[in-house]
Amino acid sequence: MRLSDKLRATGLAIILTWGWKRAALALLAGALSALAMAPFNAWPILFLTFPVAVWLIDGAAAGRWQGVPAAALSGFWFGLGYFVPGLYWIGYAFFVDADIFAWLTPFAVLGLPAYLSLFTAFGFGLARLIWPRDATRVLALAVSLTISEWLRGHVLTGFPWNAFGYALTEPLALAQTASLIGLWGLTFLAVAIFASPAVLIDGASRGRKPWRAPVAALIVLAAMLAFGAVRLSLQPTAMVKDVKLRIMQPDLQQDVRFNYSAKAAVMQKYLTLSDRASGPNSTGVRDATILIWPESAFPFFLTREADAMAQIAELLPRGTVLITGSVRAPDLPPGVRITRAYNSIYVIDHDGSVLSVYDKLHLVPFGEYLPFQEWMERLGFVQLTKVQGGFIPGTVRRTLDVPNAPRALPLICYEAIFPGDIASRDDRPGWIINVTNDGWFGISTGPYQHLQQARLRAIEEGLPLVRAANTGISAVVDPVGRIVARLGLGIEGVLDAGLPAAIAPTIYARVGNYPAAVIVIIALLVVTRRRFLGRKS
């Protein structure tokens, strides 16, 4: 049997599959698709799994209401298979304080993926609704999943983690297309390219040439690689003059970070590690103009601890500033008990004065606040950070003024996964500072995925990214995504590097998601036209 015959037989078998076997196929295809994300980046696997998605939707035609419910159910199982292995690391966070939260682990490891799978179900169902009979059904799936993934990134504050477009971010040349069309444009291309082999089972009857779709997909993929290679060659890494970074990665366990009794030990570790020599000619923190500590660096309100601020002032030489994450108390009258706080970034001068503050806007559900906070607290629930009432969200994203350096765009933790979530376009920063604490998720795939997504923000915007993470992965990334310096996961140490210079605003930085929207609209018009003609023929 020829390879084409085997492929056709496989496709027809999947189309005709029903019942639990259909659900199992969708689960398996989704689970294998998770290998396309960091740290594996095995994106060619999608050439096998996305055609399965097409064939499952093909086979849904036998169901009621044009097969939309059957397609949606397949989409749910595909999504569940994709999100459970992709997000298993969330379960680690519930063992930081196991006595309180461990029982919630199954709900987090299965519940969140089940919720996210509803969006994939919507995408499959929408695809079936506009499903043509010819090769353009690949575009129908690309349109529908791009819409559903965009919704996943926005509904109920959004969670666009491991969007399908991230499959096209490795090798680095592929990721350069994000400078034109952003993550959602990449998502459309990823689905269309990787699903294209599905049409090879159509045969060559009635003038069809099914090989055209996968060939076109490979041409697009080659064009992306060529564009990226040229862009990388034209944008060598340049450094900002007289700016020297030192990123301190303490690798502290979570139970220490939220224990006030560990205040002295935490401060001592931070101070000692920050001044550690990094080489034979190193003079410690005196080599740096900007010292950076990670998110929520202290188990106390930093600016309300005079001794801690004095120690920082003593550490910093003249001309050096500290950028650090910290929990910040709200401004309340004297004597009023503090029950809530901000998750913030401070810029602190060598004399211990606070130069600038940013309060996190995009808080983590169930981590930093609870949906329906008061009602859930009455039922006895508490978020992982155990701050009664939840953290207070900031009000505006703005750049931070940093002495003797370009203005910085602050992003705390998972704020870096939201494309286009930047300061006013009239206030273009010179770099992105991302402080985070991925220590919640242990030695797992989570921190690698987080870095992958933060790096794409640099490429989209044409801005360098400086990332300080408690347990790693800390990194300095240039504006086209090259990792200039990196400190691995689970390592205690310091990372010394220069600050890469920003490049001219990218097309994506100038116009946002409009190019991606135009691509989706044009594809939708093509699909609906072919569906209409398919009914007439």
Protein backbone atom coordinates (compact mmCIF):
# COMPACT_ATOMS: atom_id res chain seq x y z
CA MET A 1 0.00 0.00 0.00
CA ARG A 2 1.37 3.39 -1.01
CA LEU A 3 1.95 6.10 1.59
CA SER A 4 -0.90 8.18 0.14
CA ASP A 5 -3.24 5.21 0.40
CA LYS A 6 -2.21 4.62 4.02
CA LEU A 7 -2.81 8.27 4.82
CA ARG A 8 -6.23 8.18 3.18
CA ALA A 9 -7.15 5.01 5.05
CA THR A 10 -6.03 6.57 8.34
CA GLY A 11 -7.98 9.75 7.70
CA LEU A 12 -11.15 7.89 6.73
CA ALA A 13 -10.85 5.66 9.80
CA ILE A 14 -10.66 8.73 12.06
CA ILE A 15 -13.59 10.37 10.25
CA LEU A 16 -15.72 7.28 10.81
CA THR A 17 -14.69 6.79 14.44
CA TRP A 18 -17.41 7.43 17.01
CA GLY A 19 -18.05 7.11 20.73
CA TRP A 20 -15.26 6.70 23.27
CA LYS A 21 -12.69 5.97 20.55
CA ARG A 22 -13.35 9.40 19.07
CA ALA A 23 -12.86 11.06 22.45
CA ALA A 24 -9.65 9.07 23.04
CA LEU A 25 -8.26 10.10 19.64
CA ALA A 26 -8.99 13.76 20.38
CA LEU A 27 -7.37 13.48 23.83
CA LEU A 28 -4.26 11.82 22.40
CA ALA A 29 -3.92 14.36 19.58
CA GLY A 30 -4.24 17.21 22.06
CA ALA A 31 -1.71 15.70 24.46
CA LEU A 32 0.87 15.19 21.73
CA SER A 33 0.30 18.79 20.59
CA ALA A 34 1.55 20.01 23.98
CA LEU A 35 5.03 18.86 22.92
CA ALA A 36 5.11 21.83 20.52
CA MET A 37 5.52 24.21 23.48
CA ALA A 38 8.64 24.98 25.51
CA PRO A 39 10.85 23.40 26.63
CA PHE A 40 10.37 20.68 23.98
CA ASN A 41 9.52 22.91 20.99
CA ALA A 42 8.74 19.78 18.96
CA TRP A 43 6.41 21.72 16.65
CA PRO A 44 6.62 19.26 13.70
CA ILE A 45 4.38 16.97 15.79
CA LEU A 46 1.55 19.34 14.89
CA PHE A 47 1.72 18.14 11.27
CA LEU A 48 0.32 14.89 12.69
CA THR A 49 -2.07 16.14 15.37
CA PHE A 50 -3.83 19.07 13.66
CA PRO A 51 -4.90 16.92 10.67
CA VAL A 52 -6.57 14.67 13.23
CA ALA A 53 -8.54 17.72 14.38
CA VAL A 54 -9.67 18.33 10.77
CA TRP A 55 -10.75 14.73 10.33
CA LEU A 56 -12.64 14.74 13.61
CA ILE A 57 -14.60 17.77 12.43
CA ASP A 58 -15.14 16.08 9.05
CA GLY A 59 -16.63 13.09 10.85
CA ALA A 60 -18.90 15.25 12.99
CA ALA A 61 -21.17 15.79 9.96
CA ALA A 62 -23.00 12.60 10.91
CA GLY A 63 -24.27 14.24 14.09
CA ARG A 64 -27.28 16.48 14.65
CA TRP A 65 -27.53 20.22 13.98
CA GLN A 66 -24.96 20.04 11.18
CA GLY A 67 -22.55 18.24 13.48
CA VAL A 68 -21.77 21.33 15.56
CA PRO A 69 -22.29 19.66 18.98
CA ALA A 70 -20.25 16.60 17.97
CA ALA A 71 -17.42 18.82 16.68
CA ALA A 72 -17.52 20.91 19.86
CA LEU A 73 -17.28 17.78 21.99
CA SER A 74 -14.23 16.64 20.02
CA GLY A 75 -12.76 20.10 20.54
CA PHE A 76 -13.30 19.82 24.27
CA TRP A 77 -11.43 16.50 24.45
CA PHE A 78 -8.67 17.84 22.20
CA GLY A 79 -8.32 20.89 24.46
CA LEU A 80 -8.31 18.81 27.62
CA GLY A 81 -5.57 16.61 26.19
CA TYR A 82 -3.60 19.74 25.29
CA PHE A 83 -4.00 21.73 28.50
CA VAL A 84 -3.56 19.05 31.17
CA PRO A 85 0.06 18.13 30.23
CA GLY A 86 0.76 21.74 29.25
CA LEU A 87 -0.38 23.16 32.60
CA TYR A 88 0.24 20.29 35.05
CA TRP A 89 2.82 22.45 36.83
CA ILE A 90 0.05 24.60 38.32
CA GLY A 91 -0.44 21.78 40.79
CA TYR A 92 2.96 22.52 42.35
CA ALA A 93 1.63 25.80 43.75
CA PHE A 94 -0.92 23.99 45.89
CA PHE A 95 1.81 22.10 47.75
CA VAL A 96 3.63 25.25 48.90
CA ASP A 97 1.20 25.30 51.84
CA ALA A 98 0.00 21.72 51.52
CA ASP A 99 -1.98 21.64 54.78
CA ILE A 100 -4.35 24.28 53.41
CA PHE A 101 -4.30 23.87 49.64
CA ALA A 102 -3.21 20.33 48.68
CA TRP A 103 -6.80 19.07 48.48
CA LEU A 104 -7.47 21.59 45.71
CA THR A 105 -4.76 20.17 43.45
CA PRO A 106 -7.06 17.92 41.36
CA PHE A 107 -9.46 20.83 40.83
CA ALA A 108 -6.60 23.03 39.59
CA VAL A 109 -4.85 20.42 37.45
CA LEU A 110 -8.10 19.27 35.83
CA GLY A 111 -10.50 22.14 36.48
CA LEU A 112 -8.54 24.93 34.80
CA PRO A 113 -7.79 22.81 31.70
CA ALA A 114 -11.46 21.82 31.54
CA TYR A 115 -12.45 25.50 31.60
CA LEU A 116 -9.88 26.40 28.92
CA SER A 117 -11.07 23.46 26.83
CA LEU A 118 -14.45 25.15 26.51
CA PHE A 119 -12.75 27.68 24.24
CA THR A 120 -11.28 24.92 22.09
CA ALA A 121 -14.74 23.33 21.99
CA PHE A 122 -16.13 26.66 20.79
CA GLY A 123 -13.44 26.82 18.10
CA PHE A 124 -14.22 23.32 16.79
CA GLY A 125 -17.96 24.00 16.88
CA LEU A 126 -17.60 27.30 15.04
CA ALA A 127 -15.39 25.61 12.46
CA ARG A 128 -18.07 22.97 11.83
CA LEU A 129 -20.66 25.73 11.41
CA ILE A 130 -18.71 27.31 8.52
CA TRP A 131 -17.13 24.05 7.30
CA PRO A 132 -16.68 23.83 3.50
CA ARG A 133 -16.14 20.55 1.69
CA ASP A 134 -12.83 21.36 0.03
CA ALA A 135 -9.30 22.24 1.16
CA THR A 136 -10.40 25.62 2.49
CA ARG A 137 -11.78 23.81 5.54
CA VAL A 138 -8.22 24.11 6.87
CA LEU A 139 -8.74 27.88 6.79
CA ALA A 140 -12.08 27.42 8.55
CA LEU A 141 -10.28 25.69 11.43
CA ALA A 142 -7.57 28.38 11.46
CA VAL A 143 -10.17 31.18 11.60
CA SER A 144 -12.22 29.50 14.30
CA LEU A 145 -9.34 28.54 16.56
CA THR A 146 -7.77 31.99 16.22
CA ILE A 147 -11.06 33.53 17.37
CA SER A 148 -11.41 31.05 20.24
CA GLU A 149 -7.80 31.54 21.32
CA TRP A 150 -8.25 35.33 21.27
CA LEU A 151 -11.33 34.89 23.44
CA ARG A 152 -9.36 32.66 25.81
CA GLY A 153 -6.88 35.50 26.14
CA HIS A 154 -9.56 38.04 27.09
CA VAL A 155 -12.65 36.49 28.72
CA LEU A 156 -12.73 36.74 32.55
CA THR A 157 -9.38 38.64 32.54
CA GLY A 158 -7.94 36.11 30.08
CA PHE A 159 -5.34 33.35 30.18
CA PRO A 160 -3.61 33.04 26.77
CA TRP A 161 -0.95 30.66 28.11
CA ASN A 162 0.44 28.30 25.44
CA ALA A 163 -1.63 29.80 22.65
CA PHE A 164 -1.10 27.73 19.50
CA GLY A 165 0.93 30.53 17.89
CA TYR A 166 3.83 29.89 20.28
CA ALA A 167 4.58 26.76 18.26
CA LEU A 168 6.06 29.11 15.63
CA THR A 169 8.55 30.79 17.97
CA GLU A 170 11.38 28.28 17.71
CA PRO A 171 13.74 28.50 15.88
CA LEU A 172 14.10 32.22 16.47
CA ALA A 173 13.84 33.06 12.76
CA LEU A 174 10.25 31.79 12.72
CA ALA A 175 9.31 34.04 15.63
CA GLN A 176 10.23 37.22 13.73
CA THR A 177 6.88 37.17 11.94
CA ALA A 178 5.39 38.25 15.27
CA SER A 179 6.88 41.69 14.63
CA LEU A 180 4.35 41.96 11.79
CA ILE A 181 1.22 40.15 12.97
CA GLY A 182 1.71 39.38 16.68
CA LEU A 183 0.70 36.27 18.58
CA TRP A 184 -2.81 36.02 17.10
CA GLY A 185 -1.48 36.21 13.56
CA LEU A 186 1.00 33.47 14.43
CA THR A 187 -1.87 31.42 15.84
CA PHE A 188 -3.75 31.63 12.54
CA LEU A 189 -0.66 30.63 10.56
CA ALA A 190 0.19 27.80 12.95
CA VAL A 191 -3.23 26.18 12.63
CA ALA A 192 -3.42 26.66 8.86
CA ILE A 193 0.12 25.37 8.23
CA PHE A 194 0.02 22.36 10.52
CA ALA A 195 -3.52 21.27 9.58
CA SER A 196 -2.81 21.39 5.83
CA PRO A 197 -1.77 17.69 5.40
CA ALA A 198 -5.35 16.73 6.28
CA VAL A 199 -6.54 17.54 2.76
CA LEU A 200 -4.24 14.93 1.21
CA ILE A 201 -6.99 12.37 1.79
CA ASP A 202 -9.40 14.25 -0.49
CA GLY A 203 -8.17 12.68 -3.70
CA ALA A 204 -7.82 14.34 -7.09
CA SER A 205 -11.41 13.99 -8.29
CA ARG A 206 -13.38 16.87 -9.82
CA GLY A 207 -10.22 18.79 -10.60
CA ARG A 208 -9.00 18.87 -7.01
CA LYS A 209 -5.29 18.97 -6.39
CA PRO A 210 -5.01 18.26 -2.66
CA TRP A 211 -1.23 18.53 -2.64
CA ARG A 212 -1.53 22.28 -3.19
CA ALA A 213 -2.53 23.02 0.43
CA PRO A 214 0.48 21.38 2.16
CA VAL A 215 2.83 22.74 -0.50
CA ALA A 216 1.45 26.25 0.07
CA ALA A 217 1.86 25.72 3.83
CA LEU A 218 5.51 24.73 3.40
CA ILE A 219 6.09 27.78 1.19
CA VAL A 220 4.65 30.04 3.89
CA LEU A 221 6.82 28.33 6.51
CA ALA A 222 9.92 28.78 4.31
CA ALA A 223 9.02 32.44 3.73
CA MET A 224 8.74 32.97 7.47
CA LEU A 225 12.16 31.43 8.00
CA ALA A 226 13.67 33.56 5.22
CA PHE A 227 12.10 36.76 6.53
CA GLY A 228 13.31 35.94 10.03
CA ALA A 229 16.84 35.13 8.92
CA VAL A 230 17.08 38.43 7.03
CA ARG A 231 15.62 40.40 9.94
CA LEU A 232 18.05 38.82 12.40
CA SER A 233 21.01 39.57 10.12
CA LEU A 234 19.93 43.21 9.78
CA GLN A 235 19.44 43.70 13.53
CA PRO A 236 22.64 42.85 15.40
CA THR A 237 22.52 43.28 19.15
CA ALA A 238 23.50 46.80 20.20
CA MET A 239 23.94 47.87 23.81
CA VAL A 240 22.87 51.04 25.61
CA LYS A 241 25.97 52.95 26.54
CA ASP A 242 27.04 53.02 30.20
CA VAL A 243 24.18 50.82 31.47
CA LYS A 244 25.26 47.70 33.33
CA LEU A 245 22.69 45.29 34.71
CA ARG A 246 23.00 42.89 37.62
CA ILE A 247 20.10 40.47 38.12
CA MET A 248 19.99 38.69 41.47
CA GLN A 249 18.33 35.24 41.44
CA PRO A 250 17.99 34.05 45.07
CA ASP A 251 16.27 30.68 44.45
CA LEU A 252 14.24 31.02 47.67
CA GLN A 253 11.59 28.51 48.62
CA GLN A 254 8.03 29.82 48.78
CA ASP A 255 7.49 29.11 52.49
CA VAL A 256 10.44 31.37 53.30
CA ARG A 257 9.30 34.23 51.08
CA PHE A 258 5.99 34.62 52.95
CA ASN A 259 7.31 34.16 56.48
CA TYR A 260 7.88 37.45 58.33
CA SER A 261 10.09 35.71 60.89
CA ALA A 262 12.54 35.04 58.04
CA LYS A 263 12.92 38.79 57.40
CA ALA A 264 16.53 39.06 58.58
CA ALA A 265 17.65 35.91 56.78
CA VAL A 266 15.98 36.95 53.51
CA MET A 267 17.52 40.42 53.59
CA GLN A 268 20.95 39.04 54.40
CA LYS A 269 20.77 36.60 51.53
CA TYR A 270 19.68 39.29 49.09
CA LEU A 271 22.39 41.70 50.19
CA THR A 272 25.17 39.11 50.20
CA LEU A 273 24.21 37.57 46.88
CA SER A 274 23.77 40.96 45.21
CA ASP A 275 27.35 41.91 46.09
CA ARG A 276 28.85 38.55 45.11
CA ALA A 277 31.75 38.67 42.68
CA SER A 278 30.79 37.09 39.37
CA GLY A 279 34.32 36.68 38.02
CA PRO A 280 38.00 37.25 38.75
CA ASN A 281 37.75 40.96 37.90
CA SER A 282 34.32 41.54 39.42
CA THR A 283 33.82 44.04 42.23
CA GLY A 284 30.27 42.93 42.98
CA VAL A 285 27.38 45.37 42.86
CA ARG A 286 29.78 48.24 42.15
CA ASP A 287 30.04 46.90 38.60
CA ALA A 288 26.33 47.60 38.01
CA THR A 289 24.32 50.73 37.38
CA ILE A 290 21.02 48.85 37.80
CA LEU A 291 20.53 46.04 40.32
CA ILE A 292 17.34 44.01 39.83
CA TRP A 293 15.58 41.78 42.36
CA PRO A 294 12.57 39.55 41.53
CA GLU A 295 8.85 39.83 42.24
CA SER A 296 7.55 40.28 45.80
CA ALA A 297 11.07 39.98 47.07
CA PHE A 298 10.35 40.33 50.80
CA PRO A 299 8.01 38.80 53.42
CA PHE A 300 7.20 42.34 54.65
CA PHE A 301 6.32 45.85 53.46
CA LEU A 302 9.73 47.05 52.30
CA THR A 303 9.29 50.79 52.58
CA ARG A 304 7.81 50.45 56.10
CA GLU A 305 10.95 48.71 57.38
CA ALA A 306 13.50 51.47 58.03
CA ASP A 307 16.31 49.03 58.74
CA ALA A 308 15.76 47.22 55.43
CA MET A 309 15.78 50.48 53.47
CA ALA A 310 18.96 51.52 55.30
CA GLN A 311 20.61 48.23 54.34
CA ILE A 312 19.68 48.77 50.70
CA ALA A 313 21.11 52.29 50.82
CA GLU A 314 24.32 50.92 52.29
CA LEU A 315 24.53 48.25 49.57
CA LEU A 316 24.04 50.55 46.60
CA PRO A 317 27.01 52.64 45.49
CA ARG A 318 26.39 56.14 44.20
CA GLY A 319 25.03 56.00 40.65
CA THR A 320 23.40 52.57 41.13
CA VAL A 321 19.65 52.04 41.51
CA LEU A 322 17.66 49.01 42.63
CA ILE A 323 14.57 47.80 40.75
CA THR A 324 12.73 45.32 42.90
CA GLY A 325 9.39 43.68 43.34
CA SER A 326 7.71 44.18 46.72
CA VAL A 327 4.34 44.04 48.38
CA ARG A 328 3.23 47.65 48.91
CA ALA A 329 0.88 48.86 51.62
CA PRO A 330 -1.88 51.26 50.57
CA ASP A 331 -1.83 54.81 51.85
CA LEU A 332 -4.05 54.70 54.95
CA PRO A 333 -4.45 57.01 57.95
CA PRO A 334 -2.24 56.19 60.97
CA GLY A 335 -3.60 53.43 63.15
CA VAL A 336 -5.75 51.84 60.45
CA ARG A 337 -5.05 48.11 60.16
CA ILE A 338 -3.64 47.04 56.78
CA THR A 339 -5.50 44.05 55.35
CA ARG A 340 -4.83 44.42 51.62
CA ALA A 341 -1.82 45.39 49.55
CA TYR A 342 -0.46 46.01 46.06
CA ASN A 343 1.97 43.77 44.20
CA SER A 344 4.45 46.41 43.09
CA ILE A 345 7.77 47.37 41.56
CA TYR A 346 9.97 50.01 43.21
CA VAL A 347 12.87 51.97 41.76
CA ILE A 348 15.12 52.86 44.73
CA ASP A 349 18.08 55.23 44.64
CA HIS A 350 21.47 54.79 46.35
CA ASP A 351 20.31 56.93 49.26
CA GLY A 352 17.26 54.74 49.93
CA SER A 353 14.72 57.09 48.38
CA VAL A 354 11.90 55.68 46.25
CA LEU A 355 12.07 57.20 42.76
CA SER A 356 9.17 55.43 41.09
CA VAL A 357 6.45 52.85 41.78
CA TYR A 358 4.29 50.62 39.62
CA ASP A 359 1.35 48.57 40.94
CA LYS A 360 0.42 45.36 39.15
CA LEU A 361 -2.71 45.74 37.02
CA HIS A 362 -3.39 42.19 35.85
CA LEU A 363 -3.78 40.09 38.99
CA VAL A 364 -3.75 36.27 38.96
CA PRO A 365 -7.17 34.71 39.69
CA PHE A 366 -7.06 32.38 42.72
CA GLY A 367 -3.42 33.36 43.25
CA GLU A 368 -3.74 37.06 44.07
CA TYR A 369 -7.50 37.41 44.31
CA LEU A 370 -10.66 35.32 44.24
CA PRO A 371 -13.51 35.87 41.81
CA PHE A 372 -16.46 37.09 43.89
CA GLN A 373 -13.94 37.70 46.68
CA GLU A 374 -16.25 38.44 49.62
CA TRP A 375 -18.66 35.62 48.84
CA MET A 376 -15.90 33.03 48.44
CA GLU A 377 -14.16 34.18 51.61
CA ARG A 378 -17.41 33.70 53.53
CA LEU A 379 -17.39 30.11 52.27
CA GLY A 380 -13.90 29.66 53.70
CA PHE A 381 -11.85 29.95 50.50
CA VAL A 382 -8.57 31.87 50.35
CA GLN A 383 -6.22 32.61 47.47
CA LEU A 384 -2.73 31.10 47.39
CA THR A 385 -1.05 34.27 48.68
CA LYS A 386 -3.45 34.28 51.65
CA VAL A 387 -3.98 38.05 51.54
CA GLN A 388 -7.43 38.67 53.03
CA GLY A 389 -9.55 40.56 50.54
CA GLY A 390 -7.04 39.87 47.77
CA PHE A 391 -4.41 42.15 46.31
CA ILE A 392 -5.43 45.61 45.13
CA PRO A 393 -5.08 46.05 41.35
CA GLY A 394 -3.21 49.05 40.03
CA THR A 395 -4.98 51.67 37.96
CA VAL A 396 -2.75 52.41 34.97
CA ARG A 397 0.21 50.93 33.12
CA ARG A 398 2.94 53.49 32.62
CA THR A 399 6.65 53.53 32.08
CA LEU A 400 9.11 53.83 34.96
CA ASP A 401 11.78 56.50 35.02
CA VAL A 402 15.17 54.92 35.69
CA PRO A 403 18.14 57.28 36.25
CA ASN A 404 20.79 57.18 33.52
CA ALA A 405 18.82 54.60 31.52
CA PRO A 406 15.86 54.54 29.11
CA ARG A 407 12.36 54.47 30.59
CA ALA A 408 11.22 50.93 31.38
CA LEU A 409 7.88 49.18 30.83
CA PRO A 410 7.11 47.22 34.02
CA LEU A 411 5.45 43.80 33.77
CA ILE A 412 4.98 41.74 36.92
CA CYS A 413 4.80 37.95 36.62
CA TYR A 414 2.24 36.75 34.09
CA GLU A 415 1.49 40.26 32.82
CA ALA A 416 4.15 39.35 30.26
CA ILE A 417 1.89 36.76 28.58
CA PHE A 418 -0.62 39.34 27.31
CA PRO A 419 0.31 40.64 23.84
CA GLY A 420 -0.20 44.34 23.24
CA ASP A 421 -0.67 45.00 26.98
CA ILE A 422 1.67 47.97 27.07
CA ALA A 423 1.80 51.59 28.10
CA SER A 424 0.38 54.31 25.87
CA ARG A 425 1.87 54.18 22.38
CA ASP A 426 2.81 57.83 22.93
CA ASP A 427 4.98 56.75 25.86
CA ARG A 428 7.21 54.18 24.14
CA PRO A 429 9.70 52.70 26.63
CA GLY A 430 13.29 51.75 25.93
CA TRP A 431 13.02 48.28 27.50
CA ILE A 432 10.73 45.86 29.29
CA ILE A 433 11.43 44.88 32.90
CA ASN A 434 9.67 41.66 33.93
CA VAL A 435 10.03 40.64 37.57
CA THR A 436 8.45 37.32 38.44
CA ASN A 437 8.34 34.50 40.94
CA ASP A 438 8.06 31.18 39.12
CA GLY A 439 9.15 29.40 42.30
CA TRP A 440 5.49 28.51 42.80
CA PHE A 441 5.87 25.95 40.02
CA GLY A 442 9.04 24.12 40.99
CA ILE A 443 11.40 22.54 38.50
CA SER A 444 8.85 22.03 35.76
CA THR A 445 8.00 23.10 32.23
CA GLY A 446 6.12 26.19 33.51
CA PRO A 447 9.09 28.58 33.83
CA TYR A 448 10.33 27.62 30.35
CA GLN A 449 6.92 28.38 28.88
CA HIS A 450 6.81 31.69 30.77
CA LEU A 451 10.16 32.76 29.32
CA GLN A 452 9.06 31.71 25.83
CA GLN A 453 6.01 33.94 26.06
CA ALA A 454 7.83 36.91 27.59
CA ARG A 455 10.47 36.70 24.85
CA LEU A 456 7.78 37.00 22.19
CA ARG A 457 6.70 40.32 23.72
CA ALA A 458 10.21 41.63 22.99
CA ILE A 459 9.96 40.54 19.35
CA GLU A 460 6.45 41.95 18.92
CA GLU A 461 7.39 45.35 20.30
CA GLY A 462 11.03 45.65 19.17
CA LEU A 463 12.06 46.19 22.79
CA PRO A 464 14.68 44.39 24.88
CA LEU A 465 13.42 42.33 27.79
CA VAL A 466 15.12 42.03 31.17
CA ARG A 467 13.70 39.27 33.33
CA ALA A 468 14.40 38.68 37.03
CA ALA A 469 12.91 35.46 38.42
CA ASN A 470 13.19 34.13 41.97
CA THR A 471 14.10 30.57 40.99
CA GLY A 472 14.74 31.27 37.31
CA ILE A 473 14.77 31.58 34.46
CA SER A 474 16.33 35.07 34.61
CA ALA A 475 17.43 36.43 31.26
CA VAL A 476 18.36 39.44 29.16
CA VAL A 477 16.77 39.33 25.70
CA ASP A 478 17.48 41.69 22.82
CA PRO A 479 14.65 43.29 20.78
CA VAL A 480 14.62 40.50 18.18
CA GLY A 481 14.52 37.75 20.79
CA ARG A 482 18.17 36.71 21.13
CA ILE A 483 18.98 35.64 24.68
CA VAL A 484 22.04 37.73 25.52
CA ALA A 485 22.47 36.32 29.03
CA ARG A 486 20.62 33.71 31.04
CA LEU A 487 20.61 32.11 34.49
CA GLY A 488 19.03 28.67 34.52
CA LEU A 489 16.16 27.22 36.50
CA GLY A 490 16.80 26.35 40.15
CA ILE A 491 20.14 28.17 40.34
CA GLU A 492 21.19 30.72 42.96
CA GLY A 493 23.41 33.45 41.55
CA VAL A 494 23.79 36.78 39.79
CA LEU A 495 23.61 37.60 36.11
CA ASP A 496 25.68 40.50 34.80
CA ALA A 497 24.93 41.94 31.37
CA GLY A 498 24.57 45.10 29.38
CA LEU A 499 21.17 46.49 28.38
CA PRO A 500 20.35 45.85 24.71
CA ALA A 501 19.15 48.90 22.82
CA ALA A 502 15.61 49.10 21.44
CA ILE A 503 15.02 49.17 17.70
CA ALA A 504 12.47 51.17 15.69
CA PRO A 505 8.85 50.31 16.52
CA THR A 506 7.71 47.19 14.69
CA ILE A 507 4.61 47.05 12.52
CA TYR A 508 2.88 45.23 15.37
CA ALA A 509 3.97 47.95 17.83
CA ARG A 510 2.52 50.59 15.51
CA VAL A 511 -0.82 49.06 14.56
CA GLY A 512 -1.38 46.17 16.99
CA ASN A 513 -3.67 43.31 16.00
CA TYR A 514 -5.14 44.92 12.86
CA PRO A 515 -3.00 42.89 10.39
CA ALA A 516 -3.99 39.65 12.12
CA ALA A 517 -7.65 40.71 12.05
CA VAL A 518 -7.44 41.45 8.32
CA ILE A 519 -5.95 38.01 7.67
CA VAL A 520 -8.71 36.30 9.65
CA ILE A 521 -11.47 38.33 7.93
CA ILE A 522 -10.14 37.57 4.44
CA ALA A 523 -9.85 33.87 5.27
CA LEU A 524 -13.39 33.90 6.68
CA LEU A 525 -14.72 35.44 3.45
CA VAL A 526 -12.94 32.77 1.40
CA VAL A 527 -14.33 30.01 3.60
CA THR A 528 -17.92 31.26 3.58
CA ARG A 529 -17.81 31.72 -0.20
CA ARG A 530 -16.52 28.17 -0.69
CA ARG A 531 -19.15 26.82 1.67
CA PHE A 532 -21.88 28.59 -0.30
CA LEU A 533 -20.51 27.31 -3.61
CA GLY A 534 -20.16 23.84 -2.10
CA ARG A 535 -23.89 23.80 -1.33
CA LYS A 536 -24.74 24.86 -4.87
CA SER A 537 -22.52 22.26 -6.53
